[in-house]
Amino acid sequence: MSEESSGVINVEILGQRYPIRSGLDASYVTELAGYVHQKMQTASERSQAGDAVRVAVLAALNIADEYFRCRDSRATSEDDVRRRAIELEEIVDRAIASVE
């Protein structure tokens, strides 16, 4: 049974191999694992603790921080668009009212 047909993708993170069962594209899962590996490597280099669990938690916190910043940025952008649309609607309403 091949990796693709079984839905298992083997990835390596910090020297540990993990079989990941997923319906996602194998290259995407491999890219995700590479990203997690990079974050864990960075956390390991910056932390005095060599404990793998602590490194994983620090990496997870960094990834969560990136996610929250992206999510909050998107919400702000959507709010800006909504506010601008309302302003434009008011301008158009005033222009129409001045013509009538």
C-alpha atoms as a PDB file:
ATOM      1  CA  MET A   1       0.000   0.000   0.000  1.00  0.00           C
ATOM      2  CA  SER A   2       1.540   3.308  -1.061  1.00  0.00           C
ATOM      3  CA  GLU A   3       1.479   6.498   0.980  1.00  0.00           C
ATOM      4  CA  GLU A   4      -1.001   8.188  -1.358  1.00  0.00           C
ATOM      5  CA  SER A   5      -3.456   5.301  -1.551  1.00  0.00           C
ATOM      6  CA  SER A   6      -3.463   4.860   2.231  1.00  0.00           C
ATOM      7  CA  GLY A   7      -3.841   8.572   2.899  1.00  0.00           C
ATOM      8  CA  VAL A   8      -0.715   8.533   5.080  1.00  0.00           C
ATOM      9  CA  ILE A   9       2.018  11.068   4.486  1.00  0.00           C
ATOM     10  CA  ASN A  10       5.294  10.641   6.342  1.00  0.00           C
ATOM     11  CA  VAL A  11       6.864  13.900   7.469  1.00  0.00           C
ATOM     12  CA  GLU A  12       9.857  14.738   9.611  1.00  0.00           C
ATOM     13  CA  ILE A  13       9.897  17.450  12.249  1.00  0.00           C
ATOM     14  CA  LEU A  14      13.030  18.018  14.345  1.00  0.00           C
ATOM     15  CA  GLY A  15      14.390  14.612  13.481  1.00  0.00           C
ATOM     16  CA  GLN A  16      11.184  12.747  14.365  1.00  0.00           C
ATOM     17  CA  ARG A  17       9.150  11.000  11.690  1.00  0.00           C
ATOM     18  CA  TYR A  18       5.384  11.341  11.868  1.00  0.00           C
ATOM     19  CA  PRO A  19       2.862   9.423   9.767  1.00  0.00           C
ATOM     20  CA  ILE A  20       0.075  11.903   9.006  1.00  0.00           C
ATOM     21  CA  ARG A  21      -3.229  10.467   7.849  1.00  0.00           C
ATOM     22  CA  SER A  22      -4.918  13.066   5.693  1.00  0.00           C
ATOM     23  CA  GLY A  23      -7.039  13.552   2.629  1.00  0.00           C
ATOM     24  CA  LEU A  24      -5.083  16.717   1.839  1.00  0.00           C
ATOM     25  CA  ASP A  25      -2.528  16.908  -0.944  1.00  0.00           C
ATOM     26  CA  ALA A  26       0.761  15.321   0.151  1.00  0.00           C
ATOM     27  CA  SER A  27       2.831  18.328  -0.953  1.00  0.00           C
ATOM     28  CA  TYR A  28       0.625  20.639   1.116  1.00  0.00           C
ATOM     29  CA  VAL A  29       0.983  18.454   4.235  1.00  0.00           C
ATOM     30  CA  THR A  30       4.735  18.326   3.648  1.00  0.00           C
ATOM     31  CA  GLU A  31       4.796  22.124   3.363  1.00  0.00           C
ATOM     32  CA  LEU A  32       2.842  22.434   6.633  1.00  0.00           C
ATOM     33  CA  ALA A  33       5.264  20.065   8.355  1.00  0.00           C
ATOM     34  CA  GLY A  34       8.197  22.094   7.042  1.00  0.00           C
ATOM     35  CA  TYR A  35       6.655  25.248   8.462  1.00  0.00           C
ATOM     36  CA  VAL A  36       6.114  23.613  11.857  1.00  0.00           C
ATOM     37  CA  HIS A  37       9.682  22.270  11.739  1.00  0.00           C
ATOM     38  CA  GLN A  38      10.990  25.782  11.051  1.00  0.00           C
ATOM     39  CA  LYS A  39       8.980  27.267  13.933  1.00  0.00           C
ATOM     40  CA  MET A  40      10.116  24.544  16.314  1.00  0.00           C
ATOM     41  CA  GLN A  41      13.730  24.964  15.208  1.00  0.00           C
ATOM     42  CA  THR A  42      13.510  28.705  15.884  1.00  0.00           C
ATOM     43  CA  ALA A  43      11.858  28.139  19.279  1.00  0.00           C
ATOM     44  CA  SER A  44      14.544  25.590  20.143  1.00  0.00           C
ATOM     45  CA  GLU A  45      17.330  28.026  19.259  1.00  0.00           C
ATOM     46  CA  ARG A  46      15.788  30.866  21.278  1.00  0.00           C
ATOM     47  CA  SER A  47      14.827  28.808  24.319  1.00  0.00           C
ATOM     48  CA  GLN A  48      17.077  27.552  27.090  1.00  0.00           C
ATOM     49  CA  ALA A  49      14.791  24.565  27.578  1.00  0.00           C
ATOM     50  CA  GLY A  50      15.739  21.573  25.460  1.00  0.00           C
ATOM     51  CA  ASP A  51      12.505  19.777  26.328  1.00  0.00           C
ATOM     52  CA  ALA A  52      10.643  18.890  23.123  1.00  0.00           C
ATOM     53  CA  VAL A  53       7.242  19.577  24.688  1.00  0.00           C
ATOM     54  CA  ARG A  54       8.273  23.083  25.741  1.00  0.00           C
ATOM     55  CA  VAL A  55       9.700  23.743  22.286  1.00  0.00           C
ATOM     56  CA  ALA A  56       6.452  22.514  20.700  1.00  0.00           C
ATOM     57  CA  VAL A  57       4.378  24.765  22.968  1.00  0.00           C
ATOM     58  CA  LEU A  58       6.547  27.791  22.156  1.00  0.00           C
ATOM     59  CA  ALA A  59       6.251  27.029  18.444  1.00  0.00           C
ATOM     60  CA  ALA A  60       2.485  26.604  18.776  1.00  0.00           C
ATOM     61  CA  LEU A  61       2.223  29.957  20.551  1.00  0.00           C
ATOM     62  CA  ASN A  62       4.216  31.636  17.773  1.00  0.00           C
ATOM     63  CA  ILE A  63       1.996  30.064  15.103  1.00  0.00           C
ATOM     64  CA  ALA A  64      -1.137  31.069  17.043  1.00  0.00           C
ATOM     65  CA  ASP A  65       0.199  34.627  17.288  1.00  0.00           C
ATOM     66  CA  GLU A  66       0.724  34.734  13.501  1.00  0.00           C
ATOM     67  CA  TYR A  67      -2.777  33.380  12.944  1.00  0.00           C
ATOM     68  CA  PHE A  68      -4.407  35.888  15.318  1.00  0.00           C
ATOM     69  CA  ARG A  69      -2.529  38.826  13.765  1.00  0.00           C
ATOM     70  CA  CYS A  70      -3.602  37.723  10.296  1.00  0.00           C
ATOM     71  CA  ARG A  71      -7.196  37.195  11.423  1.00  0.00           C
ATOM     72  CA  ASP A  72      -7.317  40.574  13.175  1.00  0.00           C
ATOM     73  CA  SER A  73      -5.758  42.279  10.166  1.00  0.00           C
ATOM     74  CA  ARG A  74      -8.367  40.736   7.898  1.00  0.00           C
ATOM     75  CA  ALA A  75     -11.192  41.853  10.212  1.00  0.00           C
ATOM     76  CA  THR A  76      -9.789  45.383  10.243  1.00  0.00           C
ATOM     77  CA  SER A  77      -9.583  45.392   6.455  1.00  0.00           C
ATOM     78  CA  GLU A  78     -13.176  44.167   6.163  1.00  0.00           C
ATOM     79  CA  ASP A  79     -14.304  46.860   8.613  1.00  0.00           C
ATOM     80  CA  ASP A  80     -12.449  49.505   6.587  1.00  0.00           C
ATOM     81  CA  VAL A  81     -14.123  48.344   3.374  1.00  0.00           C
ATOM     82  CA  ARG A  82     -17.541  48.315   5.033  1.00  0.00           C
ATOM     83  CA  ARG A  83     -17.020  51.803   6.479  1.00  0.00           C
ATOM     84  CA  ARG A  84     -15.819  53.145   3.109  1.00  0.00           C
ATOM     85  CA  ALA A  85     -18.839  51.617   1.343  1.00  0.00           C
ATOM     86  CA  ILE A  86     -21.163  53.386   3.791  1.00  0.00           C
ATOM     87  CA  GLU A  87     -19.322  56.682   3.232  1.00  0.00           C
ATOM     88  CA  LEU A  88     -19.622  56.287  -0.537  1.00  0.00           C
ATOM     89  CA  GLU A  89     -23.326  55.480  -0.228  1.00  0.00           C
ATOM     90  CA  GLU A  90     -23.849  58.655   1.797  1.00  0.00           C
ATOM     91  CA  ILE A  91     -21.972  60.716  -0.831  1.00  0.00           C
ATOM     92  CA  VAL A  92     -24.112  59.260  -3.604  1.00  0.00           C
ATOM     93  CA  ASP A  93     -27.307  59.891  -1.579  1.00  0.00           C
ATOM     94  CA  ARG A  94     -26.310  63.541  -1.027  1.00  0.00           C
ATOM     95  CA  ALA A  95     -25.467  63.949  -4.731  1.00  0.00           C
ATOM     96  CA  ILE A  96     -28.834  62.492  -5.756  1.00  0.00           C
ATOM     97  CA  ALA A  97     -30.664  64.674  -3.226  1.00  0.00           C
ATOM     98  CA  SER A  98     -28.949  67.823  -4.506  1.00  0.00           C
ATOM     99  CA  VAL A  99     -30.032  67.052  -8.095  1.00  0.00           C
ATOM    100  CA  GLU A 100     -33.693  66.487  -7.220  1.00  0.00           C
END
